[in-house]
Amino acid sequence: PYDKVAAFLKELRKRESFSRLALRFAILTA
């Protein structure tokens, strides 16, 4: 659900890897 994406991204940013950066980029660009 789109209203849960912000909280998910907050968790996603807690660690860094190419896979996490790629997923964040995919979400931001749709």
ModelCIF file with pLDDT and N, C-alpha, C, O atoms, coordinates in Angstrom:
data_MODEL
#
_entry.id   MODEL 
#
_entity.id                         1 
_entity.type                       polymer 
_entity.pdbx_number_of_molecules   1 
#
_entity_poly.entity_id                      1 
_entity_poly.type                           'polypeptide(L)' 
_entity_poly.nstd_linkage                   no 
_entity_poly.nstd_monomer                   no 
_entity_poly.pdbx_seq_one_letter_code       PYDKVAAFLKELRKRESFSRLALRFAILTA 
_entity_poly.pdbx_seq_one_letter_code_can   PYDKVAAFLKELRKRESFSRLALRFAILTA 
_entity_poly.pdbx_strand_id                 A 
#
loop_
_entity_poly_seq.entity_id 
_entity_poly_seq.num 
_entity_poly_seq.mon_id 
_entity_poly_seq.hetero 
1 1  PRO n 
1 2  TYR n 
1 3  ASP n 
1 4  LYS n 
1 5  VAL n 
1 6  ALA n 
1 7  ALA n 
1 8  PHE n 
1 9  LEU n 
1 10 LYS n 
1 11 GLU n 
1 12 LEU n 
1 13 ARG n 
1 14 LYS n 
1 15 ARG n 
1 16 GLU n 
1 17 SER n 
1 18 PHE n 
1 19 SER n 
1 20 ARG n 
1 21 LEU n 
1 22 ALA n 
1 23 LEU n 
1 24 ARG n 
1 25 PHE n 
1 26 ALA n 
1 27 ILE n 
1 28 LEU n 
1 29 THR n 
1 30 ALA n 
#
_struct_asym.id          A 
_struct_asym.entity_id   1 
#
loop_
_ma_qa_metric.id 
_ma_qa_metric.mode 
_ma_qa_metric.name 
_ma_qa_metric.software_group_id 
_ma_qa_metric.type 
1 global pLDDT . pLDDT 
2 local  pLDDT . pLDDT 
#
_ma_qa_metric_global.metric_id      1 
_ma_qa_metric_global.metric_value   92.70 
_ma_qa_metric_global.model_id       1 
_ma_qa_metric_global.ordinal_id     1 
#
loop_
_ma_qa_metric_local.label_asym_id 
_ma_qa_metric_local.label_comp_id 
_ma_qa_metric_local.label_seq_id 
_ma_qa_metric_local.metric_id 
_ma_qa_metric_local.metric_value 
_ma_qa_metric_local.model_id 
_ma_qa_metric_local.ordinal_id 
A PRO 1  2 89.00 1 1  
A TYR 2  2 89.00 1 2  
A ASP 3  2 89.00 1 3  
A LYS 4  2 91.00 1 4  
A VAL 5  2 93.00 1 5  
A ALA 6  2 92.00 1 6  
A ALA 7  2 92.00 1 7  
A PHE 8  2 93.00 1 8  
A LEU 9  2 93.00 1 9  
A LYS 10 2 93.00 1 10 
A GLU 11 2 93.00 1 11 
A LEU 12 2 93.00 1 12 
A ARG 13 2 92.00 1 13 
A LYS 14 2 92.00 1 14 
A ARG 15 2 92.00 1 15 
A GLU 16 2 92.00 1 16 
A SER 17 2 92.00 1 17 
A PHE 18 2 92.00 1 18 
A SER 19 2 92.00 1 19 
A ARG 20 2 94.00 1 20 
A LEU 21 2 94.00 1 21 
A ALA 22 2 94.00 1 22 
A LEU 23 2 94.00 1 23 
A ARG 24 2 95.00 1 24 
A PHE 25 2 94.00 1 25 
A ALA 26 2 94.00 1 26 
A ILE 27 2 95.00 1 27 
A LEU 28 2 95.00 1 28 
A THR 29 2 95.00 1 29 
A ALA 30 2 93.00 1 30 
#
loop_
_atom_site.group_PDB 
_atom_site.id 
_atom_site.type_symbol 
_atom_site.label_atom_id 
_atom_site.label_alt_id 
_atom_site.label_comp_id 
_atom_site.label_asym_id 
_atom_site.label_entity_id 
_atom_site.label_seq_id 
_atom_site.pdbx_PDB_ins_code 
_atom_site.Cartn_x 
_atom_site.Cartn_y 
_atom_site.Cartn_z 
_atom_site.occupancy 
_atom_site.B_iso_or_equiv 
_atom_site.pdbx_formal_charge 
_atom_site.auth_seq_id 
_atom_site.auth_comp_id 
_atom_site.auth_asym_id 
_atom_site.auth_atom_id 
_atom_site.pdbx_PDB_model_num 
ATOM 1   N N  . PRO A 1 1  ? 0.848  -1.203 0.000   1.00 89.00 ? 1  PRO A N  1 
ATOM 2   C CA . PRO A 1 1  ? 0.000  0.000  0.000   1.00 89.00 ? 1  PRO A CA 1 
ATOM 3   C C  . PRO A 1 1  ? 0.881  1.249  0.000   1.00 89.00 ? 1  PRO A C  1 
ATOM 4   O O  . PRO A 1 1  ? 1.887  1.308  0.706   1.00 89.00 ? 1  PRO A O  1 
ATOM 5   N N  . TYR A 1 2  ? 0.495  2.236  -0.791  1.00 89.00 ? 2  TYR A N  1 
ATOM 6   C CA . TYR A 1 2  ? 1.383  3.392  -0.956  1.00 89.00 ? 2  TYR A CA 1 
ATOM 7   C C  . TYR A 1 2  ? 1.622  4.151  0.344   1.00 89.00 ? 2  TYR A C  1 
ATOM 8   O O  . TYR A 1 2  ? 2.645  4.819  0.495   1.00 89.00 ? 2  TYR A O  1 
ATOM 9   N N  . ASP A 1 3  ? 0.666  4.049  1.299   1.00 89.00 ? 3  ASP A N  1 
ATOM 10  C CA . ASP A 1 3  ? 0.871  4.785  2.550   1.00 89.00 ? 3  ASP A CA 1 
ATOM 11  C C  . ASP A 1 3  ? 1.859  4.081  3.488   1.00 89.00 ? 3  ASP A C  1 
ATOM 12  O O  . ASP A 1 3  ? 2.168  4.596  4.562   1.00 89.00 ? 3  ASP A O  1 
ATOM 13  N N  . LYS A 1 4  ? 2.357  2.900  3.081   1.00 91.00 ? 4  LYS A N  1 
ATOM 14  C CA . LYS A 1 4  ? 3.360  2.191  3.891   1.00 91.00 ? 4  LYS A CA 1 
ATOM 15  C C  . LYS A 1 4  ? 4.768  2.316  3.299   1.00 91.00 ? 4  LYS A C  1 
ATOM 16  O O  . LYS A 1 4  ? 5.741  1.878  3.912   1.00 91.00 ? 4  LYS A O  1 
ATOM 17  N N  . VAL A 1 5  ? 4.873  2.912  2.111   1.00 93.00 ? 5  VAL A N  1 
ATOM 18  C CA . VAL A 1 5  ? 6.162  2.965  1.422   1.00 93.00 ? 5  VAL A CA 1 
ATOM 19  C C  . VAL A 1 5  ? 7.161  3.837  2.173   1.00 93.00 ? 5  VAL A C  1 
ATOM 20  O O  . VAL A 1 5  ? 8.345  3.506  2.221   1.00 93.00 ? 5  VAL A O  1 
ATOM 21  N N  . ALA A 1 6  ? 6.712  4.938  2.755   1.00 92.00 ? 6  ALA A N  1 
ATOM 22  C CA . ALA A 1 6  ? 7.629  5.839  3.470   1.00 92.00 ? 6  ALA A CA 1 
ATOM 23  C C  . ALA A 1 6  ? 8.311  5.113  4.633   1.00 92.00 ? 6  ALA A C  1 
ATOM 24  O O  . ALA A 1 6  ? 9.521  5.243  4.818   1.00 92.00 ? 6  ALA A O  1 
ATOM 25  N N  . ALA A 1 7  ? 7.544  4.354  5.413   1.00 92.00 ? 7  ALA A N  1 
ATOM 26  C CA . ALA A 1 7  ? 8.118  3.622  6.550   1.00 92.00 ? 7  ALA A CA 1 
ATOM 27  C C  . ALA A 1 7  ? 9.075  2.539  6.062   1.00 92.00 ? 7  ALA A C  1 
ATOM 28  O O  . ALA A 1 7  ? 10.111 2.290  6.679   1.00 92.00 ? 7  ALA A O  1 
ATOM 29  N N  . PHE A 1 8  ? 8.719  1.900  4.950   1.00 93.00 ? 8  PHE A N  1 
ATOM 30  C CA . PHE A 1 8  ? 9.590  0.865  4.394   1.00 93.00 ? 8  PHE A CA 1 
ATOM 31  C C  . PHE A 1 8  ? 10.918 1.467  3.946   1.00 93.00 ? 8  PHE A C  1 
ATOM 32  O O  . PHE A 1 8  ? 11.978 0.897  4.205   1.00 93.00 ? 8  PHE A O  1 
ATOM 33  N N  . LEU A 1 9  ? 10.866 2.611  3.279   1.00 93.00 ? 9  LEU A N  1 
ATOM 34  C CA . LEU A 1 9  ? 12.103 3.266  2.826   1.00 93.00 ? 9  LEU A CA 1 
ATOM 35  C C  . LEU A 1 9  ? 12.987 3.662  4.003   1.00 93.00 ? 9  LEU A C  1 
ATOM 36  O O  . LEU A 1 9  ? 14.213 3.600  3.917   1.00 93.00 ? 9  LEU A O  1 
ATOM 37  N N  . LYS A 1 10 ? 12.363 4.067  5.096   1.00 93.00 ? 10 LYS A N  1 
ATOM 38  C CA . LYS A 1 10 ? 13.127 4.450  6.290   1.00 93.00 ? 10 LYS A CA 1 
ATOM 39  C C  . LYS A 1 10 ? 13.937 3.256  6.792   1.00 93.00 ? 10 LYS A C  1 
ATOM 40  O O  . LYS A 1 10 ? 15.096 3.406  7.178   1.00 93.00 ? 10 LYS A O  1 
ATOM 41  N N  . GLU A 1 11 ? 13.319 2.065  6.785   1.00 93.00 ? 11 GLU A N  1 
ATOM 42  C CA . GLU A 1 11 ? 14.027 0.844  7.186   1.00 93.00 ? 11 GLU A CA 1 
ATOM 43  C C  . GLU A 1 11 ? 15.105 0.490  6.161   1.00 93.00 ? 11 GLU A C  1 
ATOM 44  O O  . GLU A 1 11 ? 16.200 0.058  6.521   1.00 93.00 ? 11 GLU A O  1 
ATOM 45  N N  . LEU A 1 12 ? 14.783 0.675  4.892   1.00 93.00 ? 12 LEU A N  1 
ATOM 46  C CA . LEU A 1 12 ? 15.705 0.318  3.816   1.00 93.00 ? 12 LEU A CA 1 
ATOM 47  C C  . LEU A 1 12 ? 16.993 1.136  3.885   1.00 93.00 ? 12 LEU A C  1 
ATOM 48  O O  . LEU A 1 12 ? 18.066 0.649  3.531   1.00 93.00 ? 12 LEU A O  1 
ATOM 49  N N  . ARG A 1 13 ? 16.878 2.386  4.345   1.00 92.00 ? 13 ARG A N  1 
ATOM 50  C CA . ARG A 1 13 ? 18.054 3.268  4.396   1.00 92.00 ? 13 ARG A CA 1 
ATOM 51  C C  . ARG A 1 13 ? 18.974 2.998  5.590   1.00 92.00 ? 13 ARG A C  1 
ATOM 52  O O  . ARG A 1 13 ? 20.055 3.579  5.684   1.00 92.00 ? 13 ARG A O  1 
ATOM 53  N N  . LYS A 1 14 ? 18.556 2.136  6.484   1.00 92.00 ? 14 LYS A N  1 
ATOM 54  C CA . LYS A 1 14 ? 19.356 1.900  7.688   1.00 92.00 ? 14 LYS A CA 1 
ATOM 55  C C  . LYS A 1 14 ? 20.665 1.181  7.375   1.00 92.00 ? 14 LYS A C  1 
ATOM 56  O O  . LYS A 1 14 ? 21.633 1.303  8.125   1.00 92.00 ? 14 LYS A O  1 
ATOM 57  N N  . ARG A 1 15 ? 20.701 0.442  6.286   1.00 92.00 ? 15 ARG A N  1 
ATOM 58  C CA . ARG A 1 15 ? 21.926 -0.230 5.856   1.00 92.00 ? 15 ARG A CA 1 
ATOM 59  C C  . ARG A 1 15 ? 22.173 0.101  4.397   1.00 92.00 ? 15 ARG A C  1 
ATOM 60  O O  . ARG A 1 15 ? 21.273 0.533  3.676   1.00 92.00 ? 15 ARG A O  1 
ATOM 61  N N  . GLU A 1 16 ? 23.433 -0.115 3.970   1.00 92.00 ? 16 GLU A N  1 
ATOM 62  C CA . GLU A 1 16 ? 23.762 0.238  2.588   1.00 92.00 ? 16 GLU A CA 1 
ATOM 63  C C  . GLU A 1 16 ? 24.386 -0.953 1.869   1.00 92.00 ? 16 GLU A C  1 
ATOM 64  O O  . GLU A 1 16 ? 25.272 -1.628 2.392   1.00 92.00 ? 16 GLU A O  1 
ATOM 65  N N  . SER A 1 17 ? 23.903 -1.187 0.672   1.00 92.00 ? 17 SER A N  1 
ATOM 66  C CA . SER A 1 17 ? 24.461 -2.191 -0.231  1.00 92.00 ? 17 SER A CA 1 
ATOM 67  C C  . SER A 1 17 ? 23.968 -1.822 -1.623  1.00 92.00 ? 17 SER A C  1 
ATOM 68  O O  . SER A 1 17 ? 23.065 -0.998 -1.764  1.00 92.00 ? 17 SER A O  1 
ATOM 69  N N  . PHE A 1 18 ? 24.549 -2.422 -2.642  1.00 92.00 ? 18 PHE A N  1 
ATOM 70  C CA . PHE A 1 18 ? 24.088 -2.125 -3.992  1.00 92.00 ? 18 PHE A CA 1 
ATOM 71  C C  . PHE A 1 18 ? 22.633 -2.554 -4.185  1.00 92.00 ? 18 PHE A C  1 
ATOM 72  O O  . PHE A 1 18 ? 21.875 -1.890 -4.893  1.00 92.00 ? 18 PHE A O  1 
ATOM 73  N N  . SER A 1 19 ? 22.243 -3.671 -3.552  1.00 92.00 ? 19 SER A N  1 
ATOM 74  C CA . SER A 1 19 ? 20.861 -4.128 -3.703  1.00 92.00 ? 19 SER A CA 1 
ATOM 75  C C  . SER A 1 19 ? 19.890 -3.141 -3.056  1.00 92.00 ? 19 SER A C  1 
ATOM 76  O O  . SER A 1 19 ? 18.821 -2.877 -3.606  1.00 92.00 ? 19 SER A O  1 
ATOM 77  N N  . ARG A 1 20 ? 20.256 -2.593 -1.888  1.00 94.00 ? 20 ARG A N  1 
ATOM 78  C CA . ARG A 1 20 ? 19.376 -1.627 -1.216  1.00 94.00 ? 20 ARG A CA 1 
ATOM 79  C C  . ARG A 1 20 ? 19.329 -0.307 -1.988  1.00 94.00 ? 20 ARG A C  1 
ATOM 80  O O  . ARG A 1 20 ? 18.273 0.318  -2.094  1.00 94.00 ? 20 ARG A O  1 
ATOM 81  N N  . LEU A 1 21 ? 20.453 0.106  -2.514  1.00 94.00 ? 21 LEU A N  1 
ATOM 82  C CA . LEU A 1 21 ? 20.468 1.330  -3.314  1.00 94.00 ? 21 LEU A CA 1 
ATOM 83  C C  . LEU A 1 21 ? 19.625 1.143  -4.584  1.00 94.00 ? 21 LEU A C  1 
ATOM 84  O O  . LEU A 1 21 ? 18.903 2.049  -5.000  1.00 94.00 ? 21 LEU A O  1 
ATOM 85  N N  . ALA A 1 22 ? 19.727 -0.037 -5.187  1.00 94.00 ? 22 ALA A N  1 
ATOM 86  C CA . ALA A 1 22 ? 18.961 -0.319 -6.407  1.00 94.00 ? 22 ALA A CA 1 
ATOM 87  C C  . ALA A 1 22 ? 17.462 -0.325 -6.118  1.00 94.00 ? 22 ALA A C  1 
ATOM 88  O O  . ALA A 1 22 ? 16.677 0.205  -6.904  1.00 94.00 ? 22 ALA A O  1 
ATOM 89  N N  . LEU A 1 23 ? 17.061 -0.922 -4.992  1.00 94.00 ? 23 LEU A N  1 
ATOM 90  C CA . LEU A 1 23 ? 15.646 -0.968 -4.652  1.00 94.00 ? 23 LEU A CA 1 
ATOM 91  C C  . LEU A 1 23 ? 15.103 0.433  -4.364  1.00 94.00 ? 23 LEU A C  1 
ATOM 92  O O  . LEU A 1 23 ? 14.003 0.777  -4.796  1.00 94.00 ? 23 LEU A O  1 
ATOM 93  N N  . ARG A 1 24 ? 15.867 1.229  -3.644  1.00 95.00 ? 24 ARG A N  1 
ATOM 94  C CA . ARG A 1 24 ? 15.447 2.617  -3.389  1.00 95.00 ? 24 ARG A CA 1 
ATOM 95  C C  . ARG A 1 24 ? 15.286 3.381  -4.703  1.00 95.00 ? 24 ARG A C  1 
ATOM 96  O O  . ARG A 1 24 ? 14.328 4.132  -4.885  1.00 95.00 ? 24 ARG A O  1 
ATOM 97  N N  . PHE A 1 25 ? 16.232 3.178  -5.607  1.00 94.00 ? 25 PHE A N  1 
ATOM 98  C CA . PHE A 1 25 ? 16.186 3.866  -6.900  1.00 94.00 ? 25 PHE A CA 1 
ATOM 99  C C  . PHE A 1 25 ? 14.960 3.407  -7.708  1.00 94.00 ? 25 PHE A C  1 
ATOM 100 O O  . PHE A 1 25 ? 14.311 4.219  -8.367  1.00 94.00 ? 25 PHE A O  1 
ATOM 101 N N  . ALA A 1 26 ? 14.652 2.120  -7.654  1.00 94.00 ? 26 ALA A N  1 
ATOM 102 C CA . ALA A 1 26 ? 13.487 1.594  -8.369  1.00 94.00 ? 26 ALA A CA 1 
ATOM 103 C C  . ALA A 1 26 ? 12.197 2.201  -7.837  1.00 94.00 ? 26 ALA A C  1 
ATOM 104 O O  . ALA A 1 26 ? 11.299 2.545  -8.605  1.00 94.00 ? 26 ALA A O  1 
ATOM 105 N N  . ILE A 1 27 ? 12.113 2.328  -6.529  1.00 95.00 ? 27 ILE A N  1 
ATOM 106 C CA . ILE A 1 27 ? 10.903 2.901  -5.929  1.00 95.00 ? 27 ILE A CA 1 
ATOM 107 C C  . ILE A 1 27 ? 10.756 4.369  -6.304  1.00 95.00 ? 27 ILE A C  1 
ATOM 108 O O  . ILE A 1 27 ? 9.661  4.824  -6.634  1.00 95.00 ? 27 ILE A O  1 
ATOM 109 N N  . LEU A 1 28 ? 11.851 5.106  -6.254  1.00 95.00 ? 28 LEU A N  1 
ATOM 110 C CA . LEU A 1 28 ? 11.809 6.544  -6.564  1.00 95.00 ? 28 LEU A CA 1 
ATOM 111 C C  . LEU A 1 28 ? 11.476 6.817  -8.026  1.00 95.00 ? 28 LEU A C  1 
ATOM 112 O O  . LEU A 1 28 ? 10.840 7.824  -8.338  1.00 95.00 ? 28 LEU A O  1 
ATOM 113 N N  . THR A 1 29 ? 11.894 5.939  -8.916  1.00 95.00 ? 29 THR A N  1 
ATOM 114 C CA . THR A 1 29 ? 11.682 6.165  -10.353 1.00 95.00 ? 29 THR A CA 1 
ATOM 115 C C  . THR A 1 29 ? 10.488 5.400  -10.907 1.00 95.00 ? 29 THR A C  1 
ATOM 116 O O  . THR A 1 29 ? 10.103 5.607  -12.058 1.00 95.00 ? 29 THR A O  1 
ATOM 117 N N  . ALA A 1 30 ? 9.891  4.512  -10.099 1.00 93.00 ? 30 ALA A N  1 
ATOM 118 C CA . ALA A 1 30 ? 8.780  3.662  -10.544 1.00 93.00 ? 30 ALA A CA 1 
ATOM 119 C C  . ALA A 1 30 ? 9.175  2.838  -11.767 1.00 93.00 ? 30 ALA A C  1 
ATOM 120 O O  . ALA A 1 30 ? 8.364  2.066  -12.278 1.00 93.00 ? 30 ALA A O  1 
#
